[in-house]
Amino acid sequence: MSLDFKNKVAIVTGAGGGLGKCHALELARRGAKVVVNDFGGSAAGTGNSNSPAQQVVNEIIAAGGEAIANYASVSDEQQAQTLAQDAINKWGRIDILINNAGILRDKSFSKVTTEDFKAVVDVHLWGSVFCTKAVWPHMLKQNYGRIIMTTSSSGLFGNFGQSNYGAAKMGVIGLMNALKQEGAKYNVHVNAIAPVAATRLTAELMPEAMRKALAPETVTPAVVYLCSDEAPSGIILQAAGGNYQRIAIVEGKGKNLGVNATVEDVAKHFAEICDLTGARAKDSAVS
């Protein structure tokens, strides 16, 4: 099994710090040429700076690797196109895309504004759509690609005060599930990482001991594996402090009530309908 990335070109969004920086550094250490993208905004998505992305590029180059900086906002379709353009102009191909960029604007649903809801969805969901759309034709043409979506337990399982974030993070799973099928015959694999890590978006919510245990570096091994030649497609991996597990959407056996079933029949058999004993993971809507 070869887990080096020589001659591979990777794009990592939101790579100016935290998880994205760790992913970019490890890919570069293993030989990948990296487009380090970061808009340089605050955790809430305000302001911008070229410094975060450039500092990571400088670190990669100082270690003997190859990297260029990109300062685009992934939530802007035209700016997102520059990630692919920069990679092609510099190295002639794109092998890997890690959709990592994100912001938070946490509030309960009764208090969150539609503006804050839209801003979070724009970065996490639309940003993943725009960046993936930018690299997709290049990957299909070369019959190779590895794309990572970044989801969250807040979307997969729910979390108070994160309706905007959770909706966006579940949205990228729907995107992954469609693209794993559309990319299959072109050797384009699409997977998702559900990280639990102490980053600038989450650190203030964690005590110091937890922050140390949940270092971003503990997520990167799972992400980099999903970028490799051996990676599967359509898998959701959770990574937290050295613990890794698959998360899957499953279908229970259910209960056949017949075509003439009534509301009363559903009520009577509801426990059986909801029983997940013997449930199976599904690969598609028709499987």
C-alpha atoms as a PDB file:
ATOM      1  CA  MET A   1       0.000   0.000   0.000  1.00  0.00           C
ATOM      2  CA  SER A   2       1.453   3.318  -1.095  1.00  0.00           C
ATOM      3  CA  LEU A   3       0.422   6.312   0.959  1.00  0.00           C
ATOM      4  CA  ASP A   4       2.735   8.867  -0.566  1.00  0.00           C
ATOM      5  CA  PHE A   5       1.341  11.612  -2.753  1.00  0.00           C
ATOM      6  CA  LYS A   6       4.211  12.418  -5.075  1.00  0.00           C
ATOM      7  CA  ASN A   7       3.032  13.996  -8.323  1.00  0.00           C
ATOM      8  CA  LYS A   8      -0.432  14.564  -6.803  1.00  0.00           C
ATOM      9  CA  VAL A   9      -1.978  18.030  -6.603  1.00  0.00           C
ATOM     10  CA  ALA A  10      -4.266  18.842  -3.677  1.00  0.00           C
ATOM     11  CA  ILE A  11      -6.550  21.756  -2.876  1.00  0.00           C
ATOM     12  CA  VAL A  12      -7.403  22.306   0.788  1.00  0.00           C
ATOM     13  CA  THR A  13      -9.947  24.994   1.662  1.00  0.00           C
ATOM     14  CA  GLY A  14      -9.833  26.801   4.985  1.00  0.00           C
ATOM     15  CA  ALA A  15      -6.222  25.661   5.325  1.00  0.00           C
ATOM     16  CA  GLY A  16      -4.854  28.727   7.090  1.00  0.00           C
ATOM     17  CA  GLY A  17      -5.255  27.090  10.500  1.00  0.00           C
ATOM     18  CA  GLY A  18      -6.796  24.241  12.462  1.00  0.00           C
ATOM     19  CA  LEU A  19      -7.880  21.113  10.616  1.00  0.00           C
ATOM     20  CA  GLY A  20      -7.193  22.462   7.137  1.00  0.00           C
ATOM     21  CA  LYS A  21      -3.649  23.430   8.026  1.00  0.00           C
ATOM     22  CA  CYS A  22      -2.975  19.967   9.462  1.00  0.00           C
ATOM     23  CA  HIS A  23      -4.356  18.316   6.317  1.00  0.00           C
ATOM     24  CA  ALA A  24      -2.294  20.554   4.034  1.00  0.00           C
ATOM     25  CA  LEU A  25       0.937  20.028   5.963  1.00  0.00           C
ATOM     26  CA  GLU A  26       0.587  16.245   6.042  1.00  0.00           C
ATOM     27  CA  LEU A  27      -0.234  15.990   2.340  1.00  0.00           C
ATOM     28  CA  ALA A  28       2.760  18.198   1.539  1.00  0.00           C
ATOM     29  CA  ARG A  29       4.985  16.120   3.826  1.00  0.00           C
ATOM     30  CA  ARG A  30       3.975  13.073   1.824  1.00  0.00           C
ATOM     31  CA  GLY A  31       4.869  14.718  -1.473  1.00  0.00           C
ATOM     32  CA  ALA A  32       1.686  16.449  -2.643  1.00  0.00           C
ATOM     33  CA  LYS A  33       1.719  19.876  -4.231  1.00  0.00           C
ATOM     34  CA  VAL A  34      -0.828  21.934  -2.333  1.00  0.00           C
ATOM     35  CA  VAL A  35      -3.084  24.892  -3.051  1.00  0.00           C
ATOM     36  CA  VAL A  36      -3.574  26.384   0.404  1.00  0.00           C
ATOM     37  CA  ASN A  37      -6.867  28.266   0.392  1.00  0.00           C
ATOM     38  CA  ASP A  38      -8.023  30.575   3.147  1.00  0.00           C
ATOM     39  CA  PHE A  39     -10.125  33.732   2.987  1.00  0.00           C
ATOM     40  CA  GLY A  40      -8.632  34.805   6.288  1.00  0.00           C
ATOM     41  CA  GLY A  41     -11.889  35.803   7.923  1.00  0.00           C
ATOM     42  CA  SER A  42     -13.044  35.509  11.526  1.00  0.00           C
ATOM     43  CA  ALA A  43     -14.767  32.426  12.918  1.00  0.00           C
ATOM     44  CA  ALA A  44     -18.054  34.140  12.037  1.00  0.00           C
ATOM     45  CA  GLY A  45     -16.906  34.793   8.474  1.00  0.00           C
ATOM     46  CA  THR A  46     -16.243  38.527   8.759  1.00  0.00           C
ATOM     47  CA  GLY A  47     -13.126  40.341   7.574  1.00  0.00           C
ATOM     48  CA  ASN A  48     -10.337  38.833   5.517  1.00  0.00           C
ATOM     49  CA  SER A  49      -6.553  38.501   5.459  1.00  0.00           C
ATOM     50  CA  ASN A  50      -3.956  36.898   3.185  1.00  0.00           C
ATOM     51  CA  SER A  51      -1.698  36.098   6.106  1.00  0.00           C
ATOM     52  CA  PRO A  52      -3.071  32.705   7.280  1.00  0.00           C
ATOM     53  CA  ALA A  53      -2.806  31.000   3.880  1.00  0.00           C
ATOM     54  CA  GLN A  54       0.574  32.530   3.107  1.00  0.00           C
ATOM     55  CA  GLN A  55       2.040  31.474   6.447  1.00  0.00           C
ATOM     56  CA  VAL A  56       1.094  27.847   5.781  1.00  0.00           C
ATOM     57  CA  VAL A  57       2.589  28.062   2.300  1.00  0.00           C
ATOM     58  CA  ASN A  58       5.795  29.439   3.774  1.00  0.00           C
ATOM     59  CA  GLU A  59       5.894  26.558   6.259  1.00  0.00           C
ATOM     60  CA  ILE A  60       5.463  23.967   3.508  1.00  0.00           C
ATOM     61  CA  ILE A  61       8.150  25.542   1.330  1.00  0.00           C
ATOM     62  CA  ALA A  62      10.546  25.836   4.269  1.00  0.00           C
ATOM     63  CA  ALA A  63      10.135  22.078   4.804  1.00  0.00           C
ATOM     64  CA  GLY A  64      11.039  21.399   1.166  1.00  0.00           C
ATOM     65  CA  GLY A  65       7.528  21.066  -0.230  1.00  0.00           C
ATOM     66  CA  GLU A  66       5.578  22.856  -2.963  1.00  0.00           C
ATOM     67  CA  ALA A  67       2.568  25.056  -2.298  1.00  0.00           C
ATOM     68  CA  ILE A  68       0.801  28.186  -3.444  1.00  0.00           C
ATOM     69  CA  ALA A  69      -1.693  30.393  -1.609  1.00  0.00           C
ATOM     70  CA  ASN A  70      -5.238  31.149  -2.680  1.00  0.00           C
ATOM     71  CA  TYR A  71      -7.366  33.720  -0.854  1.00  0.00           C
ATOM     72  CA  ALA A  72     -10.775  33.061  -2.414  1.00  0.00           C
ATOM     73  CA  SER A  73     -14.035  32.959  -0.519  1.00  0.00           C
ATOM     74  CA  VAL A  74     -15.475  29.522  -1.254  1.00  0.00           C
ATOM     75  CA  SER A  75     -18.990  30.922  -0.870  1.00  0.00           C
ATOM     76  CA  ASP A  76     -18.487  32.992  -4.040  1.00  0.00           C
ATOM     77  CA  GLU A  77     -18.831  30.851  -7.170  1.00  0.00           C
ATOM     78  CA  GLN A  78     -16.472  32.929  -9.307  1.00  0.00           C
ATOM     79  CA  GLN A  79     -13.817  33.073  -6.594  1.00  0.00           C
ATOM     80  CA  ALA A  80     -14.119  29.331  -5.994  1.00  0.00           C
ATOM     81  CA  GLN A  81     -13.249  28.739  -9.644  1.00  0.00           C
ATOM     82  CA  THR A  82      -9.815  30.261  -9.030  1.00  0.00           C
ATOM     83  CA  LEU A  83      -8.814  27.303  -6.851  1.00  0.00           C
ATOM     84  CA  ALA A  84      -9.006  24.971  -9.833  1.00  0.00           C
ATOM     85  CA  GLN A  85      -7.508  27.569 -12.171  1.00  0.00           C
ATOM     86  CA  ASP A  86      -4.528  28.129  -9.881  1.00  0.00           C
ATOM     87  CA  ALA A  87      -3.844  24.390  -9.586  1.00  0.00           C
ATOM     88  CA  ILE A  88      -4.076  23.828 -13.339  1.00  0.00           C
ATOM     89  CA  ASN A  89      -2.000  26.877 -14.185  1.00  0.00           C
ATOM     90  CA  LYS A  90       0.754  25.878 -11.757  1.00  0.00           C
ATOM     91  CA  TRP A  91       0.838  22.082 -12.015  1.00  0.00           C
ATOM     92  CA  GLY A  92      -1.495  21.028 -14.831  1.00  0.00           C
ATOM     93  CA  ARG A  93      -3.834  18.781 -12.837  1.00  0.00           C
ATOM     94  CA  ILE A  94      -6.006  18.386  -9.722  1.00  0.00           C
ATOM     95  CA  ASP A  95      -6.096  15.097  -7.842  1.00  0.00           C
ATOM     96  CA  ILE A  96      -7.500  15.960  -4.425  1.00  0.00           C
ATOM     97  CA  LEU A  97     -10.013  18.432  -3.016  1.00  0.00           C
ATOM     98  CA  ILE A  98     -10.642  18.743   0.713  1.00  0.00           C
ATOM     99  CA  ASN A  99     -13.710  20.888   1.400  1.00  0.00           C
ATOM    100  CA  ASN A 100     -12.803  22.084   4.879  1.00  0.00           C
ATOM    101  CA  ALA A 101     -13.612  25.815   5.048  1.00  0.00           C
ATOM    102  CA  GLY A 102     -16.251  26.771   7.573  1.00  0.00           C
ATOM    103  CA  ILE A 103     -17.738  29.395   9.853  1.00  0.00           C
ATOM    104  CA  LEU A 104     -20.063  29.370  12.860  1.00  0.00           C
ATOM    105  CA  ARG A 105     -22.949  31.629  13.827  1.00  0.00           C
ATOM    106  CA  ASP A 106     -24.576  29.657  16.619  1.00  0.00           C
ATOM    107  CA  LYS A 107     -27.967  30.668  17.968  1.00  0.00           C
ATOM    108  CA  SER A 108     -31.157  28.830  18.806  1.00  0.00           C
ATOM    109  CA  PHE A 109     -33.567  28.586  15.884  1.00  0.00           C
ATOM    110  CA  SER A 110     -35.948  31.096  17.462  1.00  0.00           C
ATOM    111  CA  LYS A 111     -33.142  33.671  17.628  1.00  0.00           C
ATOM    112  CA  VAL A 112     -31.003  32.988  14.563  1.00  0.00           C
ATOM    113  CA  THR A 113     -31.570  35.426  11.712  1.00  0.00           C
ATOM    114  CA  THR A 114     -32.088  34.246   8.180  1.00  0.00           C
ATOM    115  CA  GLU A 115     -28.963  36.224   7.285  1.00  0.00           C
ATOM    116  CA  ASP A 116     -26.873  34.183   9.742  1.00  0.00           C
ATOM    117  CA  PHE A 117     -28.518  30.974   8.583  1.00  0.00           C
ATOM    118  CA  LYS A 118     -27.750  31.748   4.954  1.00  0.00           C
ATOM    119  CA  ALA A 119     -24.157  32.782   5.690  1.00  0.00           C
ATOM    120  CA  VAL A 120     -23.369  29.425   7.290  1.00  0.00           C
ATOM    121  CA  VAL A 121     -25.076  27.425   4.532  1.00  0.00           C
ATOM    122  CA  ASP A 122     -23.273  29.518   1.899  1.00  0.00           C
ATOM    123  CA  VAL A 123     -19.830  28.601   3.246  1.00  0.00           C
ATOM    124  CA  HIS A 124     -20.343  24.973   4.230  1.00  0.00           C
ATOM    125  CA  LEU A 125     -22.799  23.686   1.631  1.00  0.00           C
ATOM    126  CA  TRP A 126     -22.556  26.074  -1.294  1.00  0.00           C
ATOM    127  CA  GLY A 127     -18.805  26.369  -0.751  1.00  0.00           C
ATOM    128  CA  SER A 128     -18.500  22.591  -1.110  1.00  0.00           C
ATOM    129  CA  VAL A 129     -20.706  22.684  -4.203  1.00  0.00           C
ATOM    130  CA  PHE A 130     -18.765  25.522  -5.855  1.00  0.00           C
ATOM    131  CA  CYS A 131     -15.309  24.072  -5.161  1.00  0.00           C
ATOM    132  CA  THR A 132     -16.335  20.573  -6.205  1.00  0.00           C
ATOM    133  CA  LYS A 133     -17.963  21.941  -9.349  1.00  0.00           C
ATOM    134  CA  ALA A 134     -14.694  23.710 -10.175  1.00  0.00           C
ATOM    135  CA  VAL A 135     -12.533  20.570  -9.949  1.00  0.00           C
ATOM    136  CA  TRP A 136     -15.078  18.035 -11.232  1.00  0.00           C
ATOM    137  CA  PRO A 137     -14.468  18.310 -15.010  1.00  0.00           C
ATOM    138  CA  HIS A 138     -10.701  18.067 -14.532  1.00  0.00           C
ATOM    139  CA  MET A 139     -11.041  14.924 -12.426  1.00  0.00           C
ATOM    140  CA  LEU A 140     -13.432  13.273 -14.874  1.00  0.00           C
ATOM    141  CA  LYS A 141     -11.126  14.061 -17.792  1.00  0.00           C
ATOM    142  CA  GLN A 142      -8.092  12.512 -16.106  1.00  0.00           C
ATOM    143  CA  ASN A 143     -10.095   9.559 -14.707  1.00  0.00           C
ATOM    144  CA  TYR A 144      -8.930  10.211 -11.179  1.00  0.00           C
ATOM    145  CA  GLY A 145     -10.021  12.253  -8.202  1.00  0.00           C
ATOM    146  CA  ARG A 146     -10.437  12.167  -4.449  1.00  0.00           C
ATOM    147  CA  ILE A 147     -12.891  14.583  -2.824  1.00  0.00           C
ATOM    148  CA  ILE A 148     -13.506  15.001   0.898  1.00  0.00           C
ATOM    149  CA  MET A 149     -16.591  16.660   2.357  1.00  0.00           C
ATOM    150  CA  THR A 150     -16.431  17.856   5.945  1.00  0.00           C
ATOM    151  CA  THR A 151     -19.598  17.002   7.845  1.00  0.00           C
ATOM    152  CA  SER A 152     -20.286  17.125  11.589  1.00  0.00           C
ATOM    153  CA  SER A 153     -22.041  15.287  14.382  1.00  0.00           C
ATOM    154  CA  SER A 154     -24.202  18.420  14.618  1.00  0.00           C
ATOM    155  CA  GLY A 155     -25.666  17.568  11.233  1.00  0.00           C
ATOM    156  CA  LEU A 156     -25.612  13.791  11.582  1.00  0.00           C
ATOM    157  CA  PHE A 157     -27.101  13.675  15.077  1.00  0.00           C
ATOM    158  CA  GLY A 158     -28.168  17.233  15.940  1.00  0.00           C
ATOM    159  CA  ASN A 159     -26.949  19.871  18.380  1.00  0.00           C
ATOM    160  CA  PHE A 160     -28.789  22.663  20.191  1.00  0.00           C
ATOM    161  CA  GLY A 161     -28.207  26.099  18.690  1.00  0.00           C
ATOM    162  CA  GLN A 162     -26.748  24.832  15.419  1.00  0.00           C
ATOM    163  CA  SER A 163     -29.726  24.517  13.076  1.00  0.00           C
ATOM    164  CA  ASN A 164     -27.885  26.464  10.360  1.00  0.00           C
ATOM    165  CA  TYR A 165     -24.630  24.543  10.763  1.00  0.00           C
ATOM    166  CA  GLY A 166     -26.393  21.190  11.115  1.00  0.00           C
ATOM    167  CA  ALA A 167     -28.506  21.742   8.000  1.00  0.00           C
ATOM    168  CA  ALA A 168     -25.410  22.602   5.968  1.00  0.00           C
ATOM    169  CA  LYS A 169     -23.402  19.682   7.326  1.00  0.00           C
ATOM    170  CA  MET A 170     -26.135  17.179   6.513  1.00  0.00           C
ATOM    171  CA  GLY A 171     -26.449  18.776   3.099  1.00  0.00           C
ATOM    172  CA  VAL A 172     -22.896  17.812   2.159  1.00  0.00           C
ATOM    173  CA  ILE A 173     -23.780  14.171   2.900  1.00  0.00           C
ATOM    174  CA  GLY A 174     -26.535  14.336   0.301  1.00  0.00           C
ATOM    175  CA  LEU A 175     -24.029  15.852  -2.109  1.00  0.00           C
ATOM    176  CA  MET A 176     -21.527  13.067  -1.373  1.00  0.00           C
ATOM    177  CA  ASN A 177     -24.130  10.347  -1.857  1.00  0.00           C
ATOM    178  CA  ALA A 178     -24.993  11.589  -5.343  1.00  0.00           C
ATOM    179  CA  LEU A 179     -21.436  12.269  -6.444  1.00  0.00           C
ATOM    180  CA  LYS A 180     -20.098   8.881  -5.311  1.00  0.00           C
ATOM    181  CA  GLN A 181     -22.384   7.388  -7.953  1.00  0.00           C
ATOM    182  CA  GLU A 182     -21.718   9.942 -10.680  1.00  0.00           C
ATOM    183  CA  GLY A 183     -17.962   9.723 -10.210  1.00  0.00           C
ATOM    184  CA  ALA A 184     -17.668   5.943  -9.885  1.00  0.00           C
ATOM    185  CA  LYS A 185     -16.870   5.067 -13.499  1.00  0.00           C
ATOM    186  CA  TYR A 186     -14.278   7.856 -13.651  1.00  0.00           C
ATOM    187  CA  ASN A 187     -12.374   6.687 -10.536  1.00  0.00           C
ATOM    188  CA  VAL A 188     -13.491   9.813  -8.689  1.00  0.00           C
ATOM    189  CA  HIS A 189     -14.168   8.865  -5.076  1.00  0.00           C
ATOM    190  CA  VAL A 190     -16.102  11.106  -2.718  1.00  0.00           C
ATOM    191  CA  ASN A 191     -16.076  10.629   1.057  1.00  0.00           C
ATOM    192  CA  ALA A 192     -16.830  12.627   4.201  1.00  0.00           C
ATOM    193  CA  ILE A 193     -15.030  13.265   7.465  1.00  0.00           C
ATOM    194  CA  ALA A 194     -16.907  14.049  10.680  1.00  0.00           C
ATOM    195  CA  PRO A 195     -14.189  15.600  12.853  1.00  0.00           C
ATOM    196  CA  VAL A 196     -14.320  16.247  16.571  1.00  0.00           C
ATOM    197  CA  ALA A 197     -11.411  18.583  17.225  1.00  0.00           C
ATOM    198  CA  ALA A 198     -10.338  21.647  19.154  1.00  0.00           C
ATOM    199  CA  THR A 199     -10.128  24.397  16.549  1.00  0.00           C
ATOM    200  CA  ARG A 200     -10.851  28.104  16.708  1.00  0.00           C
ATOM    201  CA  LEU A 201     -14.513  27.266  16.019  1.00  0.00           C
ATOM    202  CA  THR A 202     -14.816  24.919  18.995  1.00  0.00           C
ATOM    203  CA  ALA A 203     -11.928  25.557  21.411  1.00  0.00           C
ATOM    204  CA  GLU A 204     -13.837  28.017  23.600  1.00  0.00           C
ATOM    205  CA  LEU A 205     -16.451  25.343  24.249  1.00  0.00           C
ATOM    206  CA  MET A 206     -13.927  22.835  25.608  1.00  0.00           C
ATOM    207  CA  PRO A 207     -11.891  22.596  28.837  1.00  0.00           C
ATOM    208  CA  GLU A 208      -8.101  22.573  28.398  1.00  0.00           C
ATOM    209  CA  ALA A 209      -7.710  18.819  28.955  1.00  0.00           C
ATOM    210  CA  MET A 210     -10.251  18.109  26.228  1.00  0.00           C
ATOM    211  CA  ARG A 211      -8.571  20.529  23.847  1.00  0.00           C
ATOM    212  CA  LYS A 212      -5.303  18.642  24.223  1.00  0.00           C
ATOM    213  CA  ALA A 213      -6.972  15.266  23.693  1.00  0.00           C
ATOM    214  CA  LEU A 214      -8.847  16.476  20.630  1.00  0.00           C
ATOM    215  CA  ALA A 215      -5.973  18.058  18.731  1.00  0.00           C
ATOM    216  CA  PRO A 216      -6.692  18.625  15.007  1.00  0.00           C
ATOM    217  CA  GLU A 217      -3.710  16.437  14.161  1.00  0.00           C
ATOM    218  CA  THR A 218      -5.675  13.393  15.329  1.00  0.00           C
ATOM    219  CA  VAL A 219      -8.229  13.882  12.538  1.00  0.00           C
ATOM    220  CA  THR A 220      -5.762  14.219   9.675  1.00  0.00           C
ATOM    221  CA  PRO A 221      -4.738  10.520   9.378  1.00  0.00           C
ATOM    222  CA  ALA A 222      -8.321   9.589   8.446  1.00  0.00           C
ATOM    223  CA  VAL A 223      -8.593  12.463   5.974  1.00  0.00           C
ATOM    224  CA  VAL A 224      -5.299  11.703   4.256  1.00  0.00           C
ATOM    225  CA  TYR A 225      -6.207   8.024   3.928  1.00  0.00           C
ATOM    226  CA  LEU A 226      -9.465   9.035   2.228  1.00  0.00           C
ATOM    227  CA  CYS A 227      -7.330  11.039  -0.218  1.00  0.00           C
ATOM    228  CA  SER A 228      -5.262   7.989  -1.193  1.00  0.00           C
ATOM    229  CA  ASP A 229      -5.469   5.645  -4.160  1.00  0.00           C
ATOM    230  CA  GLU A 230      -6.881   2.947  -1.862  1.00  0.00           C
ATOM    231  CA  ALA A 231      -9.745   5.104  -0.576  1.00  0.00           C
ATOM    232  CA  PRO A 232     -13.307   3.766  -0.814  1.00  0.00           C
ATOM    233  CA  SER A 233     -16.186   5.984  -1.902  1.00  0.00           C
ATOM    234  CA  GLY A 234     -19.301   7.133  -0.084  1.00  0.00           C
ATOM    235  CA  ILE A 235     -17.967   6.579   3.433  1.00  0.00           C
ATOM    236  CA  ILE A 236     -18.532   8.853   6.438  1.00  0.00           C
ATOM    237  CA  LEU A 237     -15.687   8.562   8.946  1.00  0.00           C
ATOM    238  CA  GLN A 238     -15.802  10.113  12.398  1.00  0.00           C
ATOM    239  CA  ALA A 239     -12.427  11.012  13.890  1.00  0.00           C
ATOM    240  CA  ALA A 240     -11.917  12.187  17.459  1.00  0.00           C
ATOM    241  CA  GLY A 241      -8.755  12.045  19.534  1.00  0.00           C
ATOM    242  CA  GLY A 242      -7.430   8.893  17.901  1.00  0.00           C
ATOM    243  CA  ASN A 243     -10.809   7.154  17.720  1.00  0.00           C
ATOM    244  CA  TYR A 244     -12.100   6.403  14.240  1.00  0.00           C
ATOM    245  CA  GLN A 245     -15.444   4.886  13.300  1.00  0.00           C
ATOM    246  CA  ARG A 246     -17.746   4.680  10.330  1.00  0.00           C
ATOM    247  CA  ILE A 247     -21.097   6.436  10.506  1.00  0.00           C
ATOM    248  CA  ALA A 248     -23.820   5.167   8.203  1.00  0.00           C
ATOM    249  CA  ILE A 249     -27.420   5.909   7.319  1.00  0.00           C
ATOM    250  CA  VAL A 250     -29.290   2.654   7.777  1.00  0.00           C
ATOM    251  CA  GLU A 251     -32.685   1.226   6.886  1.00  0.00           C
ATOM    252  CA  GLY A 252     -34.611  -0.979   9.289  1.00  0.00           C
ATOM    253  CA  LYS A 253     -36.580  -4.064   8.255  1.00  0.00           C
ATOM    254  CA  GLY A 254     -39.831  -2.206   8.845  1.00  0.00           C
ATOM    255  CA  LYS A 255     -43.303  -3.739   8.798  1.00  0.00           C
ATOM    256  CA  ASN A 256     -45.446  -4.525   5.780  1.00  0.00           C
ATOM    257  CA  LEU A 257     -48.952  -3.335   6.615  1.00  0.00           C
ATOM    258  CA  GLY A 258     -50.398  -3.825   3.146  1.00  0.00           C
ATOM    259  CA  VAL A 259     -51.767  -1.374   0.605  1.00  0.00           C
ATOM    260  CA  ASN A 260     -54.928  -0.810   2.638  1.00  0.00           C
ATOM    261  CA  ALA A 261     -53.123   0.205   5.831  1.00  0.00           C
ATOM    262  CA  THR A 262     -54.846   2.796   7.997  1.00  0.00           C
ATOM    263  CA  VAL A 263     -53.564   5.385  10.428  1.00  0.00           C
ATOM    264  CA  GLU A 264     -54.622   3.043  13.203  1.00  0.00           C
ATOM    265  CA  ASP A 265     -52.484   0.253  11.701  1.00  0.00           C
ATOM    266  CA  VAL A 266     -49.436   2.507  11.654  1.00  0.00           C
ATOM    267  CA  ALA A 267     -50.076   3.539  15.269  1.00  0.00           C
ATOM    268  CA  LYS A 268     -50.514  -0.075  16.365  1.00  0.00           C
ATOM    269  CA  HIS A 269     -47.283  -1.261  14.744  1.00  0.00           C
ATOM    270  CA  PHE A 270     -45.200   1.883  15.175  1.00  0.00           C
ATOM    271  CA  ALA A 271     -42.645   0.242  17.480  1.00  0.00           C
ATOM    272  CA  GLU A 272     -42.040  -2.502  14.885  1.00  0.00           C
ATOM    273  CA  ILE A 273     -41.791   0.061  12.101  1.00  0.00           C
ATOM    274  CA  CYS A 274     -39.100   1.921  14.056  1.00  0.00           C
ATOM    275  CA  ASP A 275     -37.179  -1.165  15.207  1.00  0.00           C
ATOM    276  CA  LEU A 276     -33.597  -1.045  13.869  1.00  0.00           C
ATOM    277  CA  THR A 277     -32.723  -4.631  14.740  1.00  0.00           C
ATOM    278  CA  GLY A 278     -30.997  -6.060  11.671  1.00  0.00           C
ATOM    279  CA  ALA A 279     -30.836  -2.654   9.961  1.00  0.00           C
ATOM    280  CA  ARG A 280     -28.520  -2.338   6.962  1.00  0.00           C
ATOM    281  CA  ALA A 281     -26.541   0.488   5.447  1.00  0.00           C
ATOM    282  CA  LYS A 282     -27.736   1.508   2.022  1.00  0.00           C
ATOM    283  CA  ASP A 283     -25.532   2.386  -0.948  1.00  0.00           C
ATOM    284  CA  SER A 284     -28.142   4.253  -2.944  1.00  0.00           C
ATOM    285  CA  ALA A 285     -31.800   5.255  -3.010  1.00  0.00           C
ATOM    286  CA  VAL A 286     -32.638   2.195  -5.134  1.00  0.00           C
ATOM    287  CA  SER A 287     -30.473  -0.447  -3.413  1.00  0.00           C
END
